[in-house]
C-alpha cells in the first residue's frame, strides 16, 4: 500500500521526470512527501507564475512535459499565466494543483475553485483525480495529451484527501511513442504542390522541432533554392547565417518580408498555424480573401482548415516531413532571383540603425551575436527591448531561443533559470526590460538557491516602453501609468550573492559581460539606456511628433 503522493511521484519517474517546479502548499503535502528520496529534484520557486513559466521553458527545451506543483485557489490563479504561455506556444506541460477535500466541494470552501471551468480555455485537458487507485492512469493520459497532436498544457487537480489516501495498484509504464511514418505519396503530393510555385515561401514553426530538423530544412532549402521564414520567436528553427534564411514574421517584422508574404503564391507551412501575429493581424494574409496556395503540415488535424484551406494538408510531424522532402530530387527552380531578393532584404534589415544615447541596445545585441557560443541559450519576455534582439541577433542552433509567442512579460528570468538548471554547462543569457524583469524579479532568489547562473541583461529605460509607445501614438503627450521606479539592480543581485554590473556606455559592455561570465555566478548587468530610444527604428519624440502631425 502506498499513499497517493508516492503513487503520483513514481508515475512521474516512470515518465522520465527528473525535476519539478513548485510553490509548496498544504493541499498537496502527500506529493511533497512522495518527492522525498525519489531522485526528482524539487525546485521551490517564489511565485506560482514563475514556477509555471519554468516548467513551460523546460518543456520547450526538452520536448517533454515540464511539471509544476501549486496549491489551490491563489496558487492556481497565479500559475495560470504560465499555462497560457504553454497553450499559445504549443508547449507540453503538466500543472498539478492542490484541491480541497472531496467532501467539502461545491460549498465555496476555503480557496475552492472549479478548475475545469477556470482552465478550460487555457489547457488541452483539465481533470480532477477523485480516486487514489486511478492516479497512474490519469498521469499516463496527461503525458499523452500534453505531447500528442498540437502539444500543450494539461492541468490535474489533486483533492488533498484523495492524495493522502492509500491504494495497492501497479505502476504504469509510459506508452510507446506512436508510429511516425509518413506515406511517400503524401510527401510527394507536398513536393508536387510546392513545385508549382513561382514565388514560394517556406514558414517553419510550431513547437515540434529538433537540430536534425533544422539541418534537414537547410538541406531542403539549399537543394530547392527556397526562401525560409520563421514565425514570431521561432528563430532557432534554422541557422540564420545560411543564405536561404530570410527572417522572422511577427511583431516588428521587416516590412519587406511582410510584403513578400503578400506576394508569395505558394506557402509551405511546416508546423505553424499561420496566425494573426505572423500575418500582421491578417493584413499580409487574409483568410477571407486568400491570395496564395497554402500547403500545411501540422500534427493536429483540427488546425487544417481552421484558418486556411490547406491544399494539400498533411497531418504529420513536420520533422518527419521536412526530412522526407529533403531526400527527394530537387526540381528545376524558377525562383532564384526571388530568394536572393528576400535574403538581401534580410541582410539590409540586419544592418544596425543608430538609436540615441551613449549606450545603444543595437550595439549590445550585435556584440552578443558576434561573441556568444552557438549553443548559448538566449531568453526574453515581452517589451520593445525584445525587438532589438529579434532583429539583430542571429540564432545558429535549435533549442537556443526561449521566448513567449504569447507575449507574456516576466518570462525571461524564469526561463533562463530553467535553462541554466537543464544545461549547466552552457551559457544562458536573459535579455529583459526593467518592467519585464520586475514581474518575476523575486525568482533571483530561486536561481541563487539552486545554483542557476544565467547572465541577466536588463534594458533599463525607466518605463513600460511598449505601452508608452502606443500611448504616444494614440494620446501624444498625455502620459499616464507608464513611468517606473527601479531598484539598484546590481546591488539587488549582490544581495543574493550574485555578480552585478552597471553599464552606461557602449565600450563598457563587453568587459562587463566578460567579468560576469568569469564570475561563474548568477549575474545582472543593468544597461542605463536613453529614454528617447523606443525601438530599432523610432524614438519617443519621433513617435509623438508623428501622432501630433496626423491629428493636425
Protein backbone atom coordinates (compact mmCIF):
# COMPACT_ATOMS: atom_id res chain seq x y z
CA UNK A 1 0.00 0.00 0.00
CA UNK A 2 1.26 3.47 -0.94
CA UNK A 3 -0.28 6.85 -0.39
CA UNK A 4 -1.31 8.89 -3.38
CA UNK A 5 1.69 11.17 -3.29
CA UNK A 6 4.03 8.20 -3.63
CA UNK A 7 1.97 6.74 -6.50
CA UNK A 8 1.99 10.12 -8.26
CA UNK A 9 5.73 10.66 -7.93
CA UNK A 10 6.50 7.15 -9.12
CA UNK A 11 4.35 7.83 -12.18
CA UNK A 12 6.43 10.93 -12.86
CA UNK A 13 9.64 8.92 -12.51
CA UNK A 14 8.29 6.33 -14.94
CA UNK A 15 7.79 9.11 -17.48
CA UNK A 16 11.35 10.36 -17.15
CA UNK A 17 10.75 13.41 -14.93
CA UNK A 18 13.91 14.43 -13.06
CA UNK A 19 12.93 17.95 -11.93
CA UNK A 20 9.71 19.69 -10.91
CA UNK A 21 8.99 23.31 -10.02
CA UNK A 22 6.73 24.20 -7.14
CA UNK A 23 5.49 26.61 -4.55
CA UNK A 24 4.53 24.39 -1.59
CA UNK A 25 1.06 24.27 -0.13
CA UNK A 26 -0.74 22.23 2.50
CA UNK A 27 -3.12 20.95 -0.18
CA UNK A 28 -0.51 18.60 -1.66
CA UNK A 29 1.61 17.58 1.32
CA UNK A 30 1.44 13.93 0.28
CA UNK A 31 3.02 14.77 -3.08
CA UNK A 32 5.79 16.69 -1.33
CA UNK A 33 6.36 13.64 0.87
CA UNK A 34 6.48 11.46 -2.23
CA UNK A 35 9.25 13.61 -3.67
CA UNK A 36 11.50 12.90 -0.66
CA UNK A 37 14.15 10.34 -1.66
CA UNK A 38 12.53 10.00 -5.10
CA UNK A 39 15.50 11.29 -7.07
CA UNK A 40 13.29 14.01 -8.55
CA UNK A 41 14.63 17.45 -7.71
CA UNK A 42 12.02 19.88 -6.39
CA UNK A 43 12.87 23.47 -7.37
CA UNK A 44 10.95 25.64 -4.93
CA UNK A 45 10.05 28.98 -6.53
CA UNK A 46 8.95 32.31 -5.09
CA UNK A 47 5.72 32.69 -7.07
CA UNK A 48 3.48 30.21 -8.84
CA UNK A 49 3.68 32.20 -12.08
CA UNK A 50 7.46 31.77 -12.03
CA UNK A 51 7.15 28.05 -11.29
CA UNK A 52 4.74 27.55 -14.20
CA UNK A 53 6.97 29.52 -16.57
CA UNK A 54 10.00 27.46 -15.54
CA UNK A 55 8.02 24.29 -16.25
CA UNK A 56 6.94 25.67 -19.62
CA UNK A 57 10.53 26.59 -20.55
CA UNK A 58 11.63 23.07 -19.58
CA UNK A 59 9.01 21.70 -21.96
CA UNK A 60 10.42 23.86 -24.75
CA UNK A 61 13.98 22.73 -24.04
CA UNK A 62 13.31 19.01 -23.74
CA UNK A 63 10.23 18.31 -25.85
CA UNK A 64 8.81 16.50 -22.81
CA UNK A 65 6.26 18.00 -20.41
CA UNK A 66 7.68 20.37 -17.82
CA UNK A 67 6.00 19.75 -14.46
CA UNK A 68 4.86 22.22 -11.80
CA UNK A 69 3.01 21.81 -8.48
CA UNK A 70 1.00 24.66 -6.99
CA UNK A 71 -1.58 24.93 -4.26
CA UNK A 72 -5.28 25.57 -4.55
CA UNK A 73 -7.05 28.88 -5.15
CA UNK A 74 -4.48 31.71 -5.26
CA UNK A 75 -1.72 29.29 -6.22
CA UNK A 76 -3.65 28.08 -9.23
CA UNK A 77 -4.67 31.55 -10.36
CA UNK A 78 -1.07 32.75 -10.08
CA UNK A 79 0.11 29.79 -12.17
CA UNK A 80 -2.41 30.44 -14.93
CA UNK A 81 -0.03 32.89 -16.63
CA UNK A 82 2.42 30.05 -17.33
CA UNK A 83 -0.38 27.79 -18.55
CA UNK A 84 -1.43 30.48 -21.00
CA UNK A 85 2.13 30.68 -22.34
CA UNK A 86 2.18 26.90 -22.82
CA UNK A 87 -1.15 27.00 -24.64
CA UNK A 88 -0.26 29.72 -27.11
CA UNK A 89 3.30 28.42 -27.58
CA UNK A 90 2.15 24.78 -28.03
CA UNK A 91 4.46 23.60 -25.26
CA UNK A 92 3.98 20.27 -23.42
CA UNK A 93 3.46 20.95 -19.73
CA UNK A 94 1.60 19.43 -16.76
CA UNK A 95 0.39 21.53 -13.85
CA UNK A 96 -0.68 19.71 -10.67
CA UNK A 97 -2.95 21.79 -8.47
CA UNK A 98 -3.82 21.01 -4.87
CA UNK A 99 -7.56 20.88 -4.25
CA UNK A 100 -9.86 20.95 -1.23
CA UNK A 101 -11.12 17.68 0.22
CA UNK A 102 -13.76 15.95 -1.87
CA UNK A 103 -16.39 16.11 0.87
CA UNK A 104 -16.20 19.92 1.02
CA UNK A 105 -16.67 20.64 -2.66
CA UNK A 106 -19.49 22.84 -4.01
CA UNK A 107 -19.77 24.71 -0.70
CA UNK A 108 -17.41 27.57 -1.61
CA UNK A 109 -14.94 26.14 0.85
CA UNK A 110 -11.69 27.91 1.71
CA UNK A 111 -9.80 28.55 -1.56
CA UNK A 112 -12.20 26.41 -3.58
CA UNK A 113 -12.07 26.83 -7.38
CA UNK A 114 -13.73 24.85 -10.14
CA UNK A 115 -10.55 24.10 -12.08
CA UNK A 116 -12.36 22.55 -15.02
CA UNK A 117 -14.16 25.84 -15.60
CA UNK A 118 -11.16 28.01 -14.79
CA UNK A 119 -8.60 26.30 -17.02
CA UNK A 120 -10.92 25.10 -19.81
CA UNK A 121 -9.88 27.83 -22.31
CA UNK A 122 -6.19 27.61 -21.33
CA UNK A 123 -5.36 23.90 -21.21
CA UNK A 124 -5.71 20.98 -23.61
CA UNK A 125 -7.24 18.87 -20.86
CA UNK A 126 -8.33 19.65 -17.30
CA UNK A 127 -9.36 16.92 -14.89
CA UNK A 128 -9.63 16.12 -11.20
CA UNK A 129 -8.38 12.81 -9.84
CA UNK A 130 -11.06 11.64 -7.40
CA UNK A 131 -9.78 8.09 -6.77
CA UNK A 132 -6.35 7.22 -5.40
CA UNK A 133 -6.22 3.99 -7.38
CA UNK A 134 -6.58 5.93 -10.67
CA UNK A 135 -3.63 8.31 -10.21
CA UNK A 136 -1.29 6.37 -12.51
CA UNK A 137 -4.00 6.20 -15.16
CA UNK A 138 -4.57 9.96 -15.13
CA UNK A 139 -0.86 10.76 -15.17
CA UNK A 140 -0.25 8.45 -18.14
CA UNK A 141 -3.07 10.17 -20.03
CA UNK A 142 -1.74 13.60 -19.07
CA UNK A 143 1.64 12.86 -20.65
CA UNK A 144 -0.04 11.54 -23.78
CA UNK A 145 -2.35 14.55 -24.18
CA UNK A 146 0.42 17.08 -23.46
CA UNK A 147 2.58 15.69 -26.28
CA UNK A 148 0.05 14.45 -28.85
CA UNK A 149 -1.13 16.43 -31.86
CA UNK A 150 -0.51 20.08 -31.12
CA UNK A 151 1.39 19.90 -27.78
CA UNK A 152 0.12 21.94 -24.87
CA UNK A 153 -0.62 22.14 -21.14
CA UNK A 154 -2.61 19.71 -19.01
CA UNK A 155 -3.98 20.59 -15.57
CA UNK A 156 -4.74 17.91 -12.97
CA UNK A 157 -6.43 18.81 -9.68
CA UNK A 158 -5.48 16.72 -6.63
CA UNK A 159 -8.03 16.68 -3.76
CA UNK A 160 -5.94 16.54 -0.60
CA UNK A 161 -7.83 13.58 0.93
CA UNK A 162 -7.51 11.61 -2.32
CA UNK A 163 -3.78 12.32 -2.40
CA UNK A 164 -3.24 11.22 1.19
CA UNK A 165 -5.35 8.09 0.71
CA UNK A 166 -3.75 4.68 0.13
CA UNK A 167 -4.06 2.15 -2.67
CA UNK A 168 -2.41 -1.04 -3.82
CA UNK A 169 -2.01 -0.56 -7.56
CA UNK A 170 0.78 -1.29 -10.03
CA UNK A 171 2.73 1.43 -11.77
CA UNK A 172 2.06 2.00 -15.46
CA UNK A 173 4.91 2.03 -17.93
CA UNK A 174 4.93 5.00 -20.30
CA UNK A 175 3.19 4.40 -23.59
CA UNK A 176 5.42 3.64 -26.58
CA UNK A 177 5.92 6.52 -28.98
CA UNK A 178 3.35 6.46 -31.79
CA UNK A 179 4.48 5.34 -35.23
CA UNK A 180 5.94 8.27 -37.11
CA UNK A 181 5.98 7.00 -40.69
CA UNK A 182 4.81 9.44 -43.34
CA UNK A 183 3.47 7.90 -46.55
CA UNK A 184 5.72 8.57 -49.57
CA UNK A 185 2.73 9.58 -51.68
CA UNK A 186 1.82 12.25 -49.11
CA UNK A 187 5.32 13.71 -49.19
CA UNK A 188 5.26 13.63 -52.99
CA UNK A 189 1.94 15.48 -53.02
CA UNK A 190 3.51 18.24 -50.91
CA UNK A 191 6.54 18.37 -53.20
CA UNK A 192 4.38 18.49 -56.33
CA UNK A 193 2.33 21.36 -54.92
CA UNK A 194 5.47 23.26 -53.94
CA UNK A 195 6.94 22.76 -57.40
CA UNK A 196 4.06 24.74 -58.95
CA UNK A 197 5.24 27.93 -57.28
CA UNK A 198 6.84 30.97 -58.85
CA UNK A 199 7.28 32.84 -55.57
CA UNK A 200 7.38 30.18 -52.82
CA UNK A 201 7.89 30.84 -49.13
CA UNK A 202 8.55 28.19 -46.51
CA UNK A 203 7.38 29.03 -42.98
CA UNK A 204 8.97 26.70 -40.42
CA UNK A 205 7.38 26.99 -36.98
CA UNK A 206 5.42 25.17 -34.34
CA UNK A 207 6.91 23.58 -31.26
CA UNK A 208 7.90 20.19 -32.68
CA UNK A 209 11.42 20.72 -33.97
CA UNK A 210 14.98 19.49 -33.45
CA UNK A 211 18.54 20.14 -34.55
CA UNK A 212 18.19 17.31 -37.08
CA UNK A 213 15.07 19.03 -38.46
CA UNK A 214 16.96 22.32 -38.68
CA UNK A 215 19.67 20.62 -40.71
CA UNK A 216 17.11 18.82 -42.91
CA UNK A 217 15.41 22.15 -43.56
CA UNK A 218 18.75 23.64 -44.56
CA UNK A 219 19.30 20.74 -46.98
CA UNK A 220 15.83 21.17 -48.49
CA UNK A 221 16.24 24.94 -48.83
CA UNK A 222 19.65 24.60 -50.49
CA UNK A 223 18.55 21.88 -52.93
CA UNK A 224 15.37 23.71 -53.97
CA UNK A 225 16.80 27.23 -53.51
CA UNK A 226 13.86 28.07 -51.25
CA UNK A 227 13.47 31.14 -49.02
CA UNK A 228 12.69 30.15 -45.43
CA UNK A 229 10.99 32.43 -42.91
CA UNK A 230 10.05 31.62 -39.34
CA UNK A 231 7.17 32.76 -37.13
CA UNK A 232 7.41 35.12 -34.18
CA UNK A 233 10.03 33.88 -31.69
CA UNK A 234 10.81 30.67 -33.56
CA UNK A 235 14.10 31.99 -34.95
CA UNK A 236 16.16 28.96 -33.93
CA UNK A 237 14.40 26.69 -36.45
CA UNK A 238 17.24 27.23 -38.94
CA UNK A 239 20.75 28.67 -38.87
CA UNK A 240 20.15 32.37 -39.52
CA UNK A 241 23.53 32.74 -41.25
CA UNK A 242 22.52 30.49 -44.16
CA UNK A 243 21.67 32.25 -47.43
CA UNK A 244 18.18 30.74 -47.58
CA UNK A 245 17.03 32.16 -44.24
CA UNK A 246 15.08 35.38 -44.88
CA UNK A 247 13.85 36.48 -41.44
CA UNK A 248 11.06 36.25 -38.91
CA UNK A 249 7.38 37.02 -39.34
CA UNK A 250 5.74 38.67 -36.36
CA UNK A 251 5.81 41.74 -34.15
CA UNK A 252 8.29 44.26 -35.52
CA UNK A 253 8.93 42.24 -38.67
CA UNK A 254 10.85 43.52 -41.66
CA UNK A 255 8.28 45.37 -43.82
CA UNK A 256 9.88 43.85 -46.92
CA UNK A 257 9.25 40.36 -45.53
CA UNK A 258 5.63 41.26 -44.78
CA UNK A 259 5.35 42.39 -48.40
CA UNK A 260 6.88 39.10 -49.55
CA UNK A 261 4.23 37.22 -47.61
CA UNK A 262 1.62 39.15 -49.58
CA UNK A 263 3.45 38.42 -52.86
CA UNK A 264 4.08 34.71 -52.30
CA UNK A 265 1.95 32.42 -54.46
CA UNK A 266 2.70 29.17 -52.59
CA UNK A 267 3.32 29.00 -48.85
CA UNK A 268 4.58 25.79 -47.26
CA UNK A 269 3.77 25.89 -43.55
CA UNK A 270 5.76 23.38 -41.51
CA UNK A 271 4.11 23.20 -38.08
CA UNK A 272 2.92 26.81 -37.98
CA UNK A 273 -0.74 27.80 -37.59
CA UNK A 274 -0.16 30.96 -39.70
CA UNK A 275 -1.97 33.03 -37.10
CA UNK A 276 -2.50 36.74 -36.56
CA UNK A 277 0.96 37.62 -35.21
CA UNK A 278 2.73 36.01 -38.15
CA UNK A 279 0.44 37.65 -40.73
CA UNK A 280 0.43 41.15 -39.22
CA UNK A 281 -3.11 40.87 -37.95
CA UNK A 282 -4.13 39.08 -41.19
CA UNK A 283 -3.08 42.13 -43.23
CA UNK A 284 -0.47 40.11 -45.16
CA UNK A 285 -2.67 37.00 -45.44
CA UNK A 286 -6.44 37.23 -45.23
CA UNK A 287 -8.43 34.04 -44.52
CA UNK A 288 -11.47 35.65 -46.16
CA UNK A 289 -9.61 36.55 -49.36
CA UNK A 290 -6.70 34.08 -49.65
CA UNK A 291 -4.16 35.08 -52.27
CA UNK A 292 -1.78 32.12 -52.11
CA UNK A 293 -1.90 28.37 -52.20
CA UNK A 294 -1.26 27.14 -48.66
CA UNK A 295 0.39 23.76 -48.14
CA UNK A 296 0.04 22.94 -44.46
CA UNK A 297 1.85 20.27 -42.48
CA UNK A 298 0.64 20.16 -38.89
CA UNK A 299 0.38 17.40 -36.27
CA UNK A 300 -3.13 18.46 -35.24
CA UNK A 301 -5.89 17.71 -37.77
CA UNK A 302 -8.07 20.43 -36.25
CA UNK A 303 -5.59 23.07 -37.45
CA UNK A 304 -6.05 22.13 -41.11
CA UNK A 305 -8.91 24.25 -42.35
CA UNK A 306 -9.31 26.33 -39.18
CA UNK A 307 -7.98 29.46 -40.88
CA UNK A 308 -6.73 28.37 -44.28
CA UNK A 309 -7.88 25.96 -46.95
CA UNK A 310 -4.89 23.63 -46.96
CA UNK A 311 -4.03 22.41 -50.47
CA UNK A 312 -2.82 19.88 -49.64
CA UNK A 313 -2.99 19.48 -45.88
CA UNK A 314 -0.95 16.79 -44.20
CA UNK A 315 -1.50 15.65 -40.62
CA UNK A 316 2.05 14.72 -39.64
CA UNK A 317 5.08 15.58 -37.57
CA UNK A 318 6.79 18.37 -39.54
CA UNK A 319 10.19 16.99 -38.59
CA UNK A 320 9.47 13.76 -40.50
CA UNK A 321 8.06 15.59 -43.49
CA UNK A 322 10.96 18.00 -43.90
CA UNK A 323 13.42 15.08 -43.70
CA UNK A 324 11.49 13.21 -46.39
CA UNK A 325 11.22 16.30 -48.61
CA UNK A 326 14.96 16.91 -48.32
CA UNK A 327 15.62 13.40 -49.67
CA UNK A 328 13.54 13.93 -52.83
CA UNK A 329 15.12 15.02 -56.12
CA UNK A 330 15.00 18.79 -56.44
CA UNK A 331 13.05 20.29 -59.33
CA UNK A 332 14.36 22.85 -61.75
CA UNK A 333 13.64 26.05 -59.86
CA UNK A 334 12.35 29.33 -61.24
CA UNK A 335 12.69 31.48 -58.16
CA UNK A 336 16.38 32.08 -57.50
CA UNK A 337 16.01 35.84 -58.00
CA UNK A 338 13.05 35.83 -55.58
CA UNK A 339 15.04 34.03 -52.89
CA UNK A 340 18.08 36.26 -53.41
CA UNK A 341 15.95 39.40 -53.11
CA UNK A 342 14.44 38.25 -49.82
CA UNK A 343 17.84 37.39 -48.40
CA UNK A 344 19.28 40.74 -49.46
CA UNK A 345 16.38 42.44 -47.69
CA UNK A 346 17.15 40.43 -44.54
CA UNK A 347 20.82 41.39 -44.67
CA UNK A 348 19.87 45.04 -45.00
CA UNK A 349 17.42 44.70 -42.09
CA UNK A 350 20.30 43.32 -40.02
CA UNK A 351 22.39 46.45 -40.55
CA UNK A 352 22.10 48.41 -37.29
CA UNK A 353 20.25 51.71 -37.35
CA UNK A 354 21.69 54.00 -34.65
CA UNK A 355 19.46 54.90 -31.71
CA UNK A 356 20.00 57.78 -29.24
CA UNK A 357 22.34 57.66 -26.27
CA UNK A 358 25.84 56.69 -25.18
CA UNK A 359 24.71 53.09 -24.69
CA UNK A 360 22.74 51.61 -27.56
CA UNK A 361 20.89 48.34 -27.47
CA UNK A 362 21.63 47.51 -31.09
CA UNK A 363 25.34 47.55 -30.22
CA UNK A 364 24.81 45.29 -27.21
CA UNK A 365 22.81 42.74 -29.21
CA UNK A 366 25.28 42.93 -32.08
CA UNK A 367 28.13 42.16 -29.69
CA UNK A 368 26.21 39.19 -28.26
CA UNK A 369 25.54 37.86 -31.76
CA UNK A 370 29.25 38.01 -32.56
CA UNK A 371 30.59 36.65 -29.28
CA UNK A 372 28.17 34.18 -27.67
CA UNK A 373 28.78 30.48 -28.37
CA UNK A 374 26.50 28.94 -30.99
CA UNK A 375 24.81 26.80 -28.32
CA UNK A 376 24.21 29.70 -25.92
CA UNK A 377 20.58 29.88 -24.80
CA UNK A 378 19.02 33.33 -25.04
CA UNK A 379 15.75 34.10 -23.28
CA UNK A 380 13.45 37.10 -23.15
CA UNK A 381 9.99 38.17 -22.10
CA UNK A 382 7.98 40.96 -23.69
CA UNK A 383 8.71 44.61 -24.44
CA UNK A 384 10.19 46.89 -27.06
CA UNK A 385 13.67 45.82 -25.97
CA UNK A 386 12.97 42.40 -27.47
CA UNK A 387 12.60 43.88 -30.95
CA UNK A 388 16.33 44.64 -30.90
CA UNK A 389 17.05 41.01 -30.09
CA UNK A 390 14.74 39.67 -32.80
CA UNK A 391 16.24 41.98 -35.39
CA UNK A 392 19.95 41.88 -34.68
CA UNK A 393 20.72 38.52 -33.08
CA UNK A 394 21.43 35.51 -35.28
CA UNK A 395 20.43 32.11 -33.91
CA UNK A 396 22.54 29.24 -35.15
CA UNK A 397 21.28 26.12 -33.33
CA UNK A 398 17.91 24.75 -32.42
CA UNK A 399 16.95 24.91 -28.75
CA UNK A 400 18.71 28.20 -28.09
CA UNK A 401 15.75 30.62 -28.13
CA UNK A 402 13.30 30.71 -25.21
CA UNK A 403 10.69 33.40 -25.67
CA UNK A 404 6.91 33.51 -25.28
CA UNK A 405 4.98 33.72 -28.54
CA UNK A 406 2.10 34.66 -26.24
CA UNK A 407 3.89 37.94 -25.43
CA UNK A 408 3.97 37.35 -21.69
CA UNK A 409 6.01 39.79 -19.61
CA UNK A 410 8.19 38.34 -16.88
CA UNK A 411 9.04 35.18 -18.81
CA UNK A 412 12.74 35.74 -19.49
CA UNK A 413 14.13 35.26 -15.97
CA UNK A 414 12.20 32.07 -15.06
CA UNK A 415 13.04 30.63 -18.49
CA UNK A 416 16.73 31.43 -18.01
CA UNK A 417 16.73 29.73 -14.61
CA UNK A 418 15.15 26.61 -16.10
CA UNK A 419 17.66 26.66 -18.96
CA UNK A 420 20.63 27.02 -16.61
CA UNK A 421 19.43 24.12 -14.48
CA UNK A 422 18.77 21.96 -17.54
CA UNK A 423 22.07 22.82 -19.25
CA UNK A 424 24.52 23.95 -16.54
CA UNK A 425 27.42 23.61 -18.97
CA UNK A 426 26.05 26.18 -21.44
CA UNK A 427 25.97 29.97 -21.45
CA UNK A 428 22.48 31.26 -20.65
CA UNK A 429 21.65 34.92 -21.25
CA UNK A 430 18.37 36.61 -20.38
CA UNK A 431 17.55 39.92 -22.01
CA UNK A 432 14.82 41.72 -20.06
CA UNK A 433 13.32 45.17 -19.80
CA UNK A 434 13.16 46.88 -16.43
CA UNK A 435 9.39 46.46 -16.37
CA UNK A 436 9.55 42.89 -17.66
CA UNK A 437 12.16 41.78 -15.14
CA UNK A 438 10.28 43.15 -12.16
CA UNK A 439 7.29 40.94 -12.95
CA UNK A 440 9.34 37.95 -11.74
CA UNK A 441 12.47 39.51 -10.18
CA UNK A 442 11.84 37.57 -6.96
CA UNK A 443 12.97 34.43 -8.80
CA UNK A 444 16.55 35.67 -8.43
CA UNK A 445 16.23 34.03 -5.04
CA UNK A 446 15.31 30.72 -6.69
CA UNK A 447 18.32 30.98 -9.00
CA UNK A 448 20.65 31.65 -6.09
CA UNK A 449 19.23 28.81 -4.00
CA UNK A 450 19.68 26.16 -6.68
CA UNK A 451 22.87 27.35 -8.33
CA UNK A 452 21.46 28.63 -11.62
CA UNK A 453 23.90 31.04 -13.25
CA UNK A 454 22.20 32.96 -16.06
CA UNK A 455 23.56 36.35 -17.06
CA UNK A 456 20.59 38.73 -16.93
CA UNK A 457 20.94 41.85 -19.08
CA UNK A 458 18.38 44.48 -18.13
CA UNK A 459 17.43 47.20 -20.61
CA UNK A 460 16.51 49.99 -18.21
CA UNK A 461 14.71 52.98 -19.71
CA UNK A 462 12.61 53.72 -16.64
CA UNK A 463 9.26 52.89 -18.18
CA UNK A 464 6.93 50.34 -19.68
CA UNK A 465 8.33 51.20 -23.10
CA UNK A 466 5.90 49.34 -25.34
CA UNK A 467 2.85 50.81 -23.67
CA UNK A 468 4.42 54.26 -23.71
CA UNK A 469 4.98 53.88 -27.45
CA UNK A 470 1.30 53.05 -28.04
CA UNK A 471 0.30 55.81 -25.63
CA UNK A 472 2.24 58.39 -27.63
CA UNK A 473 0.73 57.13 -30.87
CA UNK A 474 -2.86 57.40 -29.67
CA UNK A 475 -2.68 60.10 -26.98
CA UNK A 476 0.52 62.05 -27.71
CA UNK A 477 1.99 63.91 -24.78
CA UNK A 478 -0.56 62.55 -22.28
CA UNK A 479 1.48 60.20 -20.13
CA UNK A 480 -0.27 58.03 -17.56
CA UNK A 481 0.81 54.86 -15.82
CA UNK A 482 3.94 54.05 -17.80
CA UNK A 483 6.80 55.50 -15.72
CA UNK A 484 8.71 53.16 -13.41
CA UNK A 485 10.78 53.37 -10.26
CA UNK A 486 13.55 50.79 -10.32
CA UNK A 487 15.81 49.40 -7.60
CA UNK A 488 19.57 49.39 -7.92
CA UNK A 489 19.64 46.10 -9.81
CA UNK A 490 23.39 45.35 -9.46
CA UNK A 491 23.05 45.83 -5.69
CA UNK A 492 19.95 43.64 -5.68
CA UNK A 493 21.70 40.67 -7.28
CA UNK A 494 24.66 41.15 -4.94
CA UNK A 495 22.23 40.78 -2.05
CA UNK A 496 21.52 37.29 -3.40
CA UNK A 497 25.24 36.52 -3.60
CA UNK A 498 25.42 37.21 -7.32
CA UNK A 499 27.53 39.44 -9.55
CA UNK A 500 26.28 42.91 -10.53
CA UNK A 501 27.37 45.41 -13.19
CA UNK A 502 26.13 48.82 -14.28
CA UNK A 503 26.85 49.87 -17.89
CA UNK A 504 26.23 53.34 -19.31
CA UNK A 505 28.47 53.42 -22.42
CA UNK A 506 28.82 51.12 -25.45
CA UNK A 507 32.51 50.50 -24.83
CA UNK A 508 31.90 49.30 -21.27
CA UNK A 509 29.54 46.46 -22.13
CA UNK A 510 31.99 43.84 -23.40
CA UNK A 511 34.31 43.96 -20.34
CA UNK A 512 31.29 43.97 -18.01
CA UNK A 513 29.90 40.88 -19.71
CA UNK A 514 33.26 39.15 -19.52
CA UNK A 515 33.51 39.84 -15.78
CA UNK A 516 30.02 38.43 -15.30
CA UNK A 517 30.88 35.32 -17.31
CA UNK A 518 34.12 34.72 -15.42
CA UNK A 519 32.38 35.13 -12.06
CA UNK A 520 30.54 31.85 -12.64
CA UNK A 521 27.64 33.23 -10.61
CA UNK A 522 24.15 34.48 -11.15
CA UNK A 523 24.71 37.90 -12.72
CA UNK A 524 22.78 41.04 -13.57
CA UNK A 525 24.09 43.66 -15.98
CA UNK A 526 21.98 46.80 -15.87
CA UNK A 527 22.02 48.88 -19.05
CA UNK A 528 21.11 52.52 -18.46
CA UNK A 529 19.53 53.48 -21.76
CA UNK A 530 18.47 56.83 -23.15
CA UNK A 531 14.68 57.11 -22.60
CA UNK A 532 14.37 58.53 -26.13
CA UNK A 533 15.18 55.12 -27.63
CA UNK A 534 11.93 53.20 -28.21
CA UNK A 535 12.51 50.66 -31.00
CA UNK A 536 15.22 49.94 -33.59
CA UNK A 537 13.52 52.40 -35.90
CA UNK A 538 11.74 55.01 -33.77
CA UNK A 539 12.40 57.42 -30.93
CA UNK A 540 9.97 58.75 -28.37
CA UNK A 541 9.97 62.23 -29.89
CA UNK A 542 9.53 60.91 -33.43
CA UNK A 543 6.56 58.83 -32.37
CA UNK A 544 4.90 61.69 -30.53
CA UNK A 545 5.53 64.19 -33.34
CA UNK A 546 4.16 61.82 -35.97
CA UNK A 547 0.99 61.38 -33.95
CA UNK A 548 0.57 65.11 -33.48
CA UNK A 549 1.06 65.73 -37.21
CA UNK A 550 -1.54 63.11 -38.02
CA UNK A 551 -4.02 64.91 -35.75
CA UNK A 552 -3.29 68.36 -37.12
